[in-house]
mmCIF file of all heavy atoms, coordinates in Angstrom:
data_MODEL
# 
_entry.id   MODEL 
# 
loop_
_atom_site.group_PDB 
_atom_site.id 
_atom_site.type_symbol 
_atom_site.label_atom_id 
_atom_site.label_alt_id 
_atom_site.label_comp_id 
_atom_site.label_asym_id 
_atom_site.label_entity_id 
_atom_site.label_seq_id 
_atom_site.pdbx_PDB_ins_code 
_atom_site.Cartn_x 
_atom_site.Cartn_y 
_atom_site.Cartn_z 
_atom_site.occupancy 
_atom_site.B_iso_or_equiv 
_atom_site.pdbx_formal_charge 
_atom_site.auth_seq_id 
_atom_site.auth_comp_id 
_atom_site.auth_asym_id 
_atom_site.auth_atom_id 
_atom_site.pdbx_PDB_model_num 
ATOM 1   N N   . SER A 1 1  ? -39.318 79.959 -65.989 1.00 0.00 ? 1  SER A N   1 
ATOM 2   C CA  . SER A 1 1  ? -39.222 81.409 -66.035 1.00 0.00 ? 1  SER A CA  1 
ATOM 3   C C   . SER A 1 1  ? -40.373 81.961 -66.873 1.00 0.00 ? 1  SER A C   1 
ATOM 4   O O   . SER A 1 1  ? -41.121 81.238 -67.522 1.00 0.00 ? 1  SER A O   1 
ATOM 5   C CB  . SER A 1 1  ? -37.878 81.806 -66.654 1.00 0.00 ? 1  SER A CB  1 
ATOM 6   O OG  . SER A 1 1  ? -37.853 81.414 -68.018 1.00 0.00 ? 1  SER A OG  1 
ATOM 7   N N   . LEU A 1 2  ? -40.490 83.307 -66.873 1.00 0.00 ? 2  LEU A N   1 
ATOM 8   C CA  . LEU A 1 2  ? -41.530 83.957 -67.660 1.00 0.00 ? 2  LEU A CA  1 
ATOM 9   C C   . LEU A 1 2  ? -41.443 83.591 -69.172 1.00 0.00 ? 2  LEU A C   1 
ATOM 10  O O   . LEU A 1 2  ? -42.423 83.270 -69.801 1.00 0.00 ? 2  LEU A O   1 
ATOM 11  C CB  . LEU A 1 2  ? -41.451 85.484 -67.502 1.00 0.00 ? 2  LEU A CB  1 
ATOM 12  C CG  . LEU A 1 2  ? -42.035 86.055 -66.201 1.00 0.00 ? 2  LEU A CG  1 
ATOM 13  C CD1 . LEU A 1 2  ? -41.709 87.529 -66.103 1.00 0.00 ? 2  LEU A CD1 1 
ATOM 14  C CD2 . LEU A 1 2  ? -43.554 85.845 -66.170 1.00 0.00 ? 2  LEU A CD2 1 
ATOM 15  N N   . THR A 1 3  ? -40.239 83.640 -69.688 1.00 0.00 ? 3  THR A N   1 
ATOM 16  C CA  . THR A 1 3  ? -40.063 83.347 -71.126 1.00 0.00 ? 3  THR A CA  1 
ATOM 17  C C   . THR A 1 3  ? -40.316 81.877 -71.411 1.00 0.00 ? 3  THR A C   1 
ATOM 18  O O   . THR A 1 3  ? -40.892 81.517 -72.453 1.00 0.00 ? 3  THR A O   1 
ATOM 19  C CB  . THR A 1 3  ? -38.607 83.705 -71.573 1.00 0.00 ? 3  THR A CB  1 
ATOM 20  O OG1 . THR A 1 3  ? -37.657 83.102 -70.702 1.00 0.00 ? 3  THR A OG1 1 
ATOM 21  C CG2 . THR A 1 3  ? -38.446 85.205 -71.567 1.00 0.00 ? 3  THR A CG2 1 
ATOM 22  N N   . GLN A 1 4  ? -39.933 80.961 -70.497 1.00 0.00 ? 4  GLN A N   1 
ATOM 23  C CA  . GLN A 1 4  ? -40.216 79.535 -70.694 1.00 0.00 ? 4  GLN A CA  1 
ATOM 24  C C   . GLN A 1 4  ? -41.719 79.256 -70.635 1.00 0.00 ? 4  GLN A C   1 
ATOM 25  O O   . GLN A 1 4  ? -42.216 78.440 -71.406 1.00 0.00 ? 4  GLN A O   1 
ATOM 26  C CB  . GLN A 1 4  ? -39.468 78.727 -69.624 1.00 0.00 ? 4  GLN A CB  1 
ATOM 27  C CG  . GLN A 1 4  ? -37.981 78.667 -69.824 1.00 0.00 ? 4  GLN A CG  1 
ATOM 28  C CD  . GLN A 1 4  ? -37.275 78.010 -68.640 1.00 0.00 ? 4  GLN A CD  1 
ATOM 29  O OE1 . GLN A 1 4  ? -37.673 78.142 -67.481 1.00 0.00 ? 4  GLN A OE1 1 
ATOM 30  N NE2 . GLN A 1 4  ? -36.181 77.268 -68.914 1.00 0.00 ? 4  GLN A NE2 1 
ATOM 31  N N   . LEU A 1 5  ? -42.407 79.949 -69.718 1.00 0.00 ? 5  LEU A N   1 
ATOM 32  C CA  . LEU A 1 5  ? -43.857 79.801 -69.660 1.00 0.00 ? 5  LEU A CA  1 
ATOM 33  C C   . LEU A 1 5  ? -44.484 80.270 -70.932 1.00 0.00 ? 5  LEU A C   1 
ATOM 34  O O   . LEU A 1 5  ? -45.404 79.596 -71.504 1.00 0.00 ? 5  LEU A O   1 
ATOM 35  C CB  . LEU A 1 5  ? -44.400 80.624 -68.495 1.00 0.00 ? 5  LEU A CB  1 
ATOM 36  C CG  . LEU A 1 5  ? -44.398 79.985 -67.096 1.00 0.00 ? 5  LEU A CG  1 
ATOM 37  C CD1 . LEU A 1 5  ? -44.738 80.985 -66.049 1.00 0.00 ? 5  LEU A CD1 1 
ATOM 38  C CD2 . LEU A 1 5  ? -45.354 78.787 -67.048 1.00 0.00 ? 5  LEU A CD2 1 
ATOM 39  N N   . GLY A 1 6  ? -44.049 81.414 -71.500 1.00 0.00 ? 6  GLY A N   1 
ATOM 40  C CA  . GLY A 1 6  ? -44.603 81.942 -72.750 1.00 0.00 ? 6  GLY A CA  1 
ATOM 41  C C   . GLY A 1 6  ? -44.406 80.985 -73.885 1.00 0.00 ? 6  GLY A C   1 
ATOM 42  O O   . GLY A 1 6  ? -45.336 80.744 -74.698 1.00 0.00 ? 6  GLY A O   1 
ATOM 43  N N   . THR A 1 7  ? -43.213 80.399 -73.955 1.00 0.00 ? 7  THR A N   1 
ATOM 44  C CA  . THR A 1 7  ? -42.924 79.466 -75.064 1.00 0.00 ? 7  THR A CA  1 
ATOM 45  C C   . THR A 1 7  ? -43.801 78.186 -74.944 1.00 0.00 ? 7  THR A C   1 
ATOM 46  O O   . THR A 1 7  ? -44.341 77.710 -75.943 1.00 0.00 ? 7  THR A O   1 
ATOM 47  C CB  . THR A 1 7  ? -41.428 79.046 -75.012 1.00 0.00 ? 7  THR A CB  1 
ATOM 48  O OG1 . THR A 1 7  ? -40.622 80.236 -75.120 1.00 0.00 ? 7  THR A OG1 1 
ATOM 49  C CG2 . THR A 1 7  ? -41.101 78.116 -76.142 1.00 0.00 ? 7  THR A CG2 1 
ATOM 50  N N   . ALA A 1 8  ? -43.942 77.718 -73.693 1.00 0.00 ? 8  ALA A N   1 
ATOM 51  C CA  . ALA A 1 8  ? -44.730 76.491 -73.468 1.00 0.00 ? 8  ALA A CA  1 
ATOM 52  C C   . ALA A 1 8  ? -46.206 76.731 -73.864 1.00 0.00 ? 8  ALA A C   1 
ATOM 53  O O   . ALA A 1 8  ? -46.847 75.878 -74.464 1.00 0.00 ? 8  ALA A O   1 
ATOM 54  C CB  . ALA A 1 8  ? -44.631 76.057 -72.023 1.00 0.00 ? 8  ALA A CB  1 
ATOM 55  N N   . VAL A 1 9  ? -46.754 77.897 -73.465 1.00 0.00 ? 9  VAL A N   1 
ATOM 56  C CA  . VAL A 1 9  ? -48.163 78.205 -73.738 1.00 0.00 ? 9  VAL A CA  1 
ATOM 57  C C   . VAL A 1 9  ? -48.382 78.307 -75.269 1.00 0.00 ? 9  VAL A C   1 
ATOM 58  O O   . VAL A 1 9  ? -49.355 77.730 -75.795 1.00 0.00 ? 9  VAL A O   1 
ATOM 59  C CB  . VAL A 1 9  ? -48.597 79.517 -73.062 1.00 0.00 ? 9  VAL A CB  1 
ATOM 60  C CG1 . VAL A 1 9  ? -49.950 79.956 -73.560 1.00 0.00 ? 9  VAL A CG1 1 
ATOM 61  C CG2 . VAL A 1 9  ? -48.609 79.347 -71.568 1.00 0.00 ? 9  VAL A CG2 1 
ATOM 62  N N   . LYS A 1 10 ? -47.482 78.997 -75.973 1.00 0.00 ? 10 LYS A N   1 
ATOM 63  C CA  . LYS A 1 10 ? -47.654 79.120 -77.442 1.00 0.00 ? 10 LYS A CA  1 
ATOM 64  C C   . LYS A 1 10 ? -47.606 77.789 -78.114 1.00 0.00 ? 10 LYS A C   1 
ATOM 65  O O   . LYS A 1 10 ? -48.390 77.485 -79.030 1.00 0.00 ? 10 LYS A O   1 
ATOM 66  C CB  . LYS A 1 10 ? -46.545 80.038 -77.988 1.00 0.00 ? 10 LYS A CB  1 
ATOM 67  C CG  . LYS A 1 10 ? -46.752 81.502 -77.644 1.00 0.00 ? 10 LYS A CG  1 
ATOM 68  C CD  . LYS A 1 10 ? -45.609 82.356 -78.160 1.00 0.00 ? 10 LYS A CD  1 
ATOM 69  C CE  . LYS A 1 10 ? -45.700 83.793 -77.723 1.00 0.00 ? 10 LYS A CE  1 
ATOM 70  N NZ  . LYS A 1 10 ? -44.507 84.588 -78.062 1.00 0.00 ? 10 LYS A NZ  1 
ATOM 71  N N   . ASP A 1 11 ? -46.660 76.903 -77.660 1.00 0.00 ? 11 ASP A N   1 
ATOM 72  C CA  . ASP A 1 11 ? -46.530 75.599 -78.296 1.00 0.00 ? 11 ASP A CA  1 
ATOM 73  C C   . ASP A 1 11 ? -47.757 74.743 -78.066 1.00 0.00 ? 11 ASP A C   1 
ATOM 74  O O   . ASP A 1 11 ? -48.335 74.184 -79.033 1.00 0.00 ? 11 ASP A O   1 
ATOM 75  C CB  . ASP A 1 11 ? -45.300 74.890 -77.713 1.00 0.00 ? 11 ASP A CB  1 
ATOM 76  C CG  . ASP A 1 11 ? -45.170 73.486 -78.222 1.00 0.00 ? 11 ASP A CG  1 
ATOM 77  O OD1 . ASP A 1 11 ? -45.146 73.253 -79.431 1.00 0.00 ? 11 ASP A OD1 1 
ATOM 78  O OD2 . ASP A 1 11 ? -45.105 72.552 -77.377 1.00 0.00 ? 11 ASP A OD2 1 
ATOM 79  N N   . LEU A 1 12 ? -48.210 74.657 -76.815 1.00 0.00 ? 12 LEU A N   1 
ATOM 80  C CA  . LEU A 1 12 ? -49.375 73.802 -76.509 1.00 0.00 ? 12 LEU A CA  1 
ATOM 81  C C   . LEU A 1 12 ? -50.655 74.340 -77.142 1.00 0.00 ? 12 LEU A C   1 
ATOM 82  O O   . LEU A 1 12 ? -51.438 73.581 -77.688 1.00 0.00 ? 12 LEU A O   1 
ATOM 83  C CB  . LEU A 1 12 ? -49.563 73.732 -74.999 1.00 0.00 ? 12 LEU A CB  1 
ATOM 84  C CG  . LEU A 1 12 ? -48.505 72.874 -74.256 1.00 0.00 ? 12 LEU A CG  1 
ATOM 85  C CD1 . LEU A 1 12 ? -48.621 73.045 -72.736 1.00 0.00 ? 12 LEU A CD1 1 
ATOM 86  C CD2 . LEU A 1 12 ? -48.637 71.421 -74.607 1.00 0.00 ? 12 LEU A CD2 1 
ATOM 87  N N   . ALA A 1 13 ? -50.853 75.665 -77.090 1.00 0.00 ? 13 ALA A N   1 
ATOM 88  C CA  . ALA A 1 13 ? -52.067 76.255 -77.673 1.00 0.00 ? 13 ALA A CA  1 
ATOM 89  C C   . ALA A 1 13 ? -52.100 76.060 -79.174 1.00 0.00 ? 13 ALA A C   1 
ATOM 90  O O   . ALA A 1 13 ? -53.131 75.754 -79.794 1.00 0.00 ? 13 ALA A O   1 
ATOM 91  C CB  . ALA A 1 13 ? -52.155 77.751 -77.323 1.00 0.00 ? 13 ALA A CB  1 
ATOM 92  N N   . GLY A 1 14 ? -50.943 76.233 -79.810 1.00 0.00 ? 14 GLY A N   1 
ATOM 93  C CA  . GLY A 1 14 ? -50.895 76.039 -81.288 1.00 0.00 ? 14 GLY A CA  1 
ATOM 94  C C   . GLY A 1 14 ? -51.211 74.625 -81.679 1.00 0.00 ? 14 GLY A C   1 
ATOM 95  O O   . GLY A 1 14 ? -51.991 74.374 -82.636 1.00 0.00 ? 14 GLY A O   1 
ATOM 96  N N   . ARG A 1 15 ? -50.622 73.647 -80.951 1.00 0.00 ? 15 ARG A N   1 
ATOM 97  C CA  . ARG A 1 15 ? -50.907 72.262 -81.304 1.00 0.00 ? 15 ARG A CA  1 
ATOM 98  C C   . ARG A 1 15 ? -52.333 71.854 -80.932 1.00 0.00 ? 15 ARG A C   1 
ATOM 99  O O   . ARG A 1 15 ? -52.908 70.978 -81.576 1.00 0.00 ? 15 ARG A O   1 
ATOM 100 C CB  . ARG A 1 15 ? -49.898 71.321 -80.593 1.00 0.00 ? 15 ARG A CB  1 
ATOM 101 C CG  . ARG A 1 15 ? -48.510 71.446 -81.274 1.00 0.00 ? 15 ARG A CG  1 
ATOM 102 C CD  . ARG A 1 15 ? -47.531 70.361 -80.862 1.00 0.00 ? 15 ARG A CD  1 
ATOM 103 N NE  . ARG A 1 15 ? -47.059 70.586 -79.513 1.00 0.00 ? 15 ARG A NE  1 
ATOM 104 C CZ  . ARG A 1 15 ? -47.265 69.755 -78.501 1.00 0.00 ? 15 ARG A CZ  1 
ATOM 105 N NH1 . ARG A 1 15 ? -47.949 68.646 -78.658 1.00 0.00 ? 15 ARG A NH1 1 
ATOM 106 N NH2 . ARG A 1 15 ? -46.777 70.029 -77.290 1.00 0.00 ? 15 ARG A NH2 1 
ATOM 107 N N   . ALA A 1 16 ? -52.915 72.491 -79.918 1.00 0.00 ? 16 ALA A N   1 
ATOM 108 C CA  . ALA A 1 16 ? -54.293 72.210 -79.562 1.00 0.00 ? 16 ALA A CA  1 
ATOM 109 C C   . ALA A 1 16 ? -55.245 72.678 -80.688 1.00 0.00 ? 16 ALA A C   1 
ATOM 110 O O   . ALA A 1 16 ? -56.187 71.972 -81.068 1.00 0.00 ? 16 ALA A O   1 
ATOM 111 C CB  . ALA A 1 16 ? -54.687 72.895 -78.263 1.00 0.00 ? 16 ALA A CB  1 
ATOM 112 N N   . ARG A 1 17 ? -54.955 73.846 -81.250 1.00 0.00 ? 17 ARG A N   1 
ATOM 113 C CA  . ARG A 1 17 ? -55.813 74.360 -82.339 1.00 0.00 ? 17 ARG A CA  1 
ATOM 114 C C   . ARG A 1 17 ? -55.650 73.583 -83.644 1.00 0.00 ? 17 ARG A C   1 
ATOM 115 O O   . ARG A 1 17 ? -56.571 73.498 -84.440 1.00 0.00 ? 17 ARG A O   1 
ATOM 116 C CB  . ARG A 1 17 ? -55.507 75.840 -82.562 1.00 0.00 ? 17 ARG A CB  1 
ATOM 117 C CG  . ARG A 1 17 ? -55.906 76.723 -81.382 1.00 0.00 ? 17 ARG A CG  1 
ATOM 118 C CD  . ARG A 1 17 ? -55.804 78.210 -81.712 1.00 0.00 ? 17 ARG A CD  1 
ATOM 119 N NE  . ARG A 1 17 ? -56.168 79.011 -80.553 1.00 0.00 ? 17 ARG A NE  1 
ATOM 120 C CZ  . ARG A 1 17 ? -55.301 79.634 -79.741 1.00 0.00 ? 17 ARG A CZ  1 
ATOM 121 N NH1 . ARG A 1 17 ? -53.986 79.511 -79.960 1.00 0.00 ? 17 ARG A NH1 1 
ATOM 122 N NH2 . ARG A 1 17 ? -55.727 80.345 -78.706 1.00 0.00 ? 17 ARG A NH2 1 
ATOM 123 N N   . SER A 1 18 ? -54.466 73.001 -83.844 1.00 0.00 ? 18 SER A N   1 
ATOM 124 C CA  . SER A 1 18 ? -54.233 72.217 -85.068 1.00 0.00 ? 18 SER A CA  1 
ATOM 125 C C   . SER A 1 18 ? -54.499 70.726 -84.831 1.00 0.00 ? 18 SER A C   1 
ATOM 126 O O   . SER A 1 18 ? -54.170 69.918 -85.681 1.00 0.00 ? 18 SER A O   1 
ATOM 127 C CB  . SER A 1 18 ? -52.788 72.424 -85.561 1.00 0.00 ? 18 SER A CB  1 
ATOM 128 O OG  . SER A 1 18 ? -51.875 71.962 -84.587 1.00 0.00 ? 18 SER A OG  1 
ATOM 129 N N   . LYS A 1 19 ? -55.051 70.378 -83.631 1.00 0.00 ? 19 LYS A N   1 
ATOM 130 C CA  . LYS A 1 19 ? -55.392 68.996 -83.270 1.00 0.00 ? 19 LYS A CA  1 
ATOM 131 C C   . LYS A 1 19 ? -54.229 68.062 -83.271 1.00 0.00 ? 19 LYS A C   1 
ATOM 132 O O   . LYS A 1 19 ? -54.367 66.858 -83.561 1.00 0.00 ? 19 LYS A O   1 
ATOM 133 C CB  . LYS A 1 19 ? -56.470 68.451 -84.269 1.00 0.00 ? 19 LYS A CB  1 
ATOM 134 C CG  . LYS A 1 19 ? -57.762 69.304 -84.315 1.00 0.00 ? 19 LYS A CG  1 
ATOM 135 C CD  . LYS A 1 19 ? -58.753 68.715 -85.246 1.00 0.00 ? 19 LYS A CD  1 
ATOM 136 C CE  . LYS A 1 19 ? -60.014 69.518 -85.283 1.00 0.00 ? 19 LYS A CE  1 
ATOM 137 N NZ  . LYS A 1 19 ? -61.018 69.003 -86.233 1.00 0.00 ? 19 LYS A NZ  1 
ATOM 138 N N   . LYS A 1 20 ? -53.064 68.580 -82.941 1.00 0.00 ? 20 LYS A N   1 
ATOM 139 C CA  . LYS A 1 20 ? -51.865 67.719 -82.843 1.00 0.00 ? 20 LYS A CA  1 
ATOM 140 C C   . LYS A 1 20 ? -51.414 67.502 -81.431 1.00 0.00 ? 20 LYS A C   1 
ATOM 141 O O   . LYS A 1 20 ? -50.378 66.885 -81.198 1.00 0.00 ? 20 LYS A O   1 
ATOM 142 C CB  . LYS A 1 20 ? -50.707 68.426 -83.640 1.00 0.00 ? 20 LYS A CB  1 
ATOM 143 C CG  . LYS A 1 20 ? -50.990 68.613 -85.105 1.00 0.00 ? 20 LYS A CG  1 
ATOM 144 C CD  . LYS A 1 20 ? -51.193 67.305 -85.842 1.00 0.00 ? 20 LYS A CD  1 
ATOM 145 C CE  . LYS A 1 20 ? -51.407 67.516 -87.355 1.00 0.00 ? 20 LYS A CE  1 
ATOM 146 N NZ  . LYS A 1 20 ? -51.676 66.236 -88.024 1.00 0.00 ? 20 LYS A NZ  1 
ATOM 147 N N   . ILE A 1 21 ? -52.171 67.997 -80.444 1.00 0.00 ? 21 ILE A N   1 
ATOM 148 C CA  . ILE A 1 21 ? -51.774 67.837 -79.071 1.00 0.00 ? 21 ILE A CA  1 
ATOM 149 C C   . ILE A 1 21 ? -52.089 66.436 -78.588 1.00 0.00 ? 21 ILE A C   1 
ATOM 150 O O   . ILE A 1 21 ? -53.053 65.776 -79.051 1.00 0.00 ? 21 ILE A O   1 
ATOM 151 C CB  . ILE A 1 21 ? -52.536 68.860 -78.180 1.00 0.00 ? 21 ILE A CB  1 
ATOM 152 C CG1 . ILE A 1 21 ? -51.901 68.974 -76.815 1.00 0.00 ? 21 ILE A CG1 1 
ATOM 153 C CG2 . ILE A 1 21 ? -54.007 68.553 -78.065 1.00 0.00 ? 21 ILE A CG2 1 
ATOM 154 C CD1 . ILE A 1 21 ? -52.324 70.176 -76.025 1.00 0.00 ? 21 ILE A CD1 1 
ATOM 155 N N   . LYS A 1 22 ? -51.271 65.903 -77.663 1.00 0.00 ? 22 LYS A N   1 
ATOM 156 C CA  . LYS A 1 22 ? -51.440 64.537 -77.193 1.00 0.00 ? 22 LYS A CA  1 
ATOM 157 C C   . LYS A 1 22 ? -52.332 64.547 -75.951 1.00 0.00 ? 22 LYS A C   1 
ATOM 158 O O   . LYS A 1 22 ? -52.354 65.520 -75.212 1.00 0.00 ? 22 LYS A O   1 
ATOM 159 C CB  . LYS A 1 22 ? -50.067 63.943 -76.828 1.00 0.00 ? 22 LYS A CB  1 
ATOM 160 C CG  . LYS A 1 22 ? -49.152 63.866 -77.994 1.00 0.00 ? 22 LYS A CG  1 
ATOM 161 C CD  . LYS A 1 22 ? -47.731 63.392 -77.553 1.00 0.00 ? 22 LYS A CD  1 
ATOM 162 C CE  . LYS A 1 22 ? -46.733 63.355 -78.697 1.00 0.00 ? 22 LYS A CE  1 
ATOM 163 N NZ  . LYS A 1 22 ? -45.360 63.023 -78.238 1.00 0.00 ? 22 LYS A NZ  1 
ATOM 164 N N   . PRO A 1 23 ? -53.031 63.438 -75.691 1.00 0.00 ? 23 PRO A N   1 
ATOM 165 C CA  . PRO A 1 23 ? -53.941 63.390 -74.532 1.00 0.00 ? 23 PRO A CA  1 
ATOM 166 C C   . PRO A 1 23 ? -53.211 63.640 -73.218 1.00 0.00 ? 23 PRO A C   1 
ATOM 167 O O   . PRO A 1 23 ? -53.761 64.301 -72.333 1.00 0.00 ? 23 PRO A O   1 
ATOM 168 C CB  . PRO A 1 23 ? -54.512 61.978 -74.570 1.00 0.00 ? 23 PRO A CB  1 
ATOM 169 C CG  . PRO A 1 23 ? -54.416 61.595 -76.009 1.00 0.00 ? 23 PRO A CG  1 
ATOM 170 C CD  . PRO A 1 23 ? -53.172 62.231 -76.558 1.00 0.00 ? 23 PRO A CD  1 
ATOM 171 N N   . ASP A 1 24 ? -51.973 63.089 -73.057 1.00 0.00 ? 24 ASP A N   1 
ATOM 172 C CA  . ASP A 1 24 ? -51.287 63.251 -71.777 1.00 0.00 ? 24 ASP A CA  1 
ATOM 173 C C   . ASP A 1 24 ? -50.833 64.691 -71.546 1.00 0.00 ? 24 ASP A C   1 
ATOM 174 O O   . ASP A 1 24 ? -50.419 65.038 -70.444 1.00 0.00 ? 24 ASP A O   1 
ATOM 175 C CB  . ASP A 1 24 ? -50.077 62.295 -71.688 1.00 0.00 ? 24 ASP A CB  1 
ATOM 176 C CG  . ASP A 1 24 ? -49.066 62.514 -72.754 1.00 0.00 ? 24 ASP A CG  1 
ATOM 177 O OD1 . ASP A 1 24 ? -49.285 63.385 -73.633 1.00 0.00 ? 24 ASP A OD1 1 
ATOM 178 O OD2 . ASP A 1 24 ? -47.986 61.835 -72.741 1.00 0.00 ? 24 ASP A OD2 1 
ATOM 179 N N   . GLU A 1 25 ? -50.885 65.528 -72.597 1.00 0.00 ? 25 GLU A N   1 
ATOM 180 C CA  . GLU A 1 25 ? -50.546 66.961 -72.429 1.00 0.00 ? 25 GLU A CA  1 
ATOM 181 C C   . GLU A 1 25 ? -51.767 67.769 -71.982 1.00 0.00 ? 25 GLU A C   1 
ATOM 182 O O   . GLU A 1 25 ? -51.644 68.955 -71.801 1.00 0.00 ? 25 GLU A O   1 
ATOM 183 C CB  . GLU A 1 25 ? -50.014 67.504 -73.747 1.00 0.00 ? 25 GLU A CB  1 
ATOM 184 C CG  . GLU A 1 25 ? -48.655 66.905 -74.114 1.00 0.00 ? 25 GLU A CG  1 
ATOM 185 C CD  . GLU A 1 25 ? -48.175 67.382 -75.497 1.00 0.00 ? 25 GLU A CD  1 
ATOM 186 O OE1 . GLU A 1 25 ? -48.981 67.381 -76.452 1.00 0.00 ? 25 GLU A OE1 1 
ATOM 187 O OE2 . GLU A 1 25 ? -46.983 67.742 -75.603 1.00 0.00 ? 25 GLU A OE2 1 
ATOM 188 N N   . MET A 1 26 ? -52.901 67.102 -71.800 1.00 0.00 ? 26 MET A N   1 
ATOM 189 C CA  . MET A 1 26 ? -54.092 67.780 -71.311 1.00 0.00 ? 26 MET A CA  1 
ATOM 190 C C   . MET A 1 26 ? -54.637 67.152 -70.049 1.00 0.00 ? 26 MET A C   1 
ATOM 191 O O   . MET A 1 26 ? -55.769 67.270 -69.703 1.00 0.00 ? 26 MET A O   1 
ATOM 192 C CB  . MET A 1 26 ? -55.194 67.743 -72.393 1.00 0.00 ? 26 MET A CB  1 
ATOM 193 C CG  . MET A 1 26 ? -54.811 68.530 -73.648 1.00 0.00 ? 26 MET A CG  1 
ATOM 194 S SD  . MET A 1 26 ? -56.131 68.604 -74.862 1.00 0.00 ? 26 MET A SD  1 
ATOM 195 C CE  . MET A 1 26 ? -56.063 66.932 -75.526 1.00 0.00 ? 26 MET A CE  1 
ATOM 196 N N   . GLU A 1 27 ? -53.743 66.446 -69.335 1.00 0.00 ? 27 GLU A N   1 
ATOM 197 C CA  . GLU A 1 27 ? -54.117 65.764 -68.130 1.00 0.00 ? 27 GLU A CA  1 
ATOM 198 C C   . GLU A 1 27 ? -53.258 66.191 -66.935 1.00 0.00 ? 27 GLU A C   1 
ATOM 199 O O   . GLU A 1 27 ? -52.111 66.592 -67.135 1.00 0.00 ? 27 GLU A O   1 
ATOM 200 C CB  . GLU A 1 27 ? -53.990 64.233 -68.291 1.00 0.00 ? 27 GLU A CB  1 
ATOM 201 C CG  . GLU A 1 27 ? -54.891 63.690 -69.392 1.00 0.00 ? 27 GLU A CG  1 
ATOM 202 C CD  . GLU A 1 27 ? -54.560 62.233 -69.708 1.00 0.00 ? 27 GLU A CD  1 
ATOM 203 O OE1 . GLU A 1 27 ? -53.591 61.690 -69.115 1.00 0.00 ? 27 GLU A OE1 1 
ATOM 204 O OE2 . GLU A 1 27 ? -55.208 61.656 -70.607 1.00 0.00 ? 27 GLU A OE2 1 
# 
């Protein structure tokens, strides 16, 4: 849903900027 998409984007973008994102989350 729209709200689920918004939550997912914020979570992934935040962890990408703090270098905590996993490689399989960018593939």
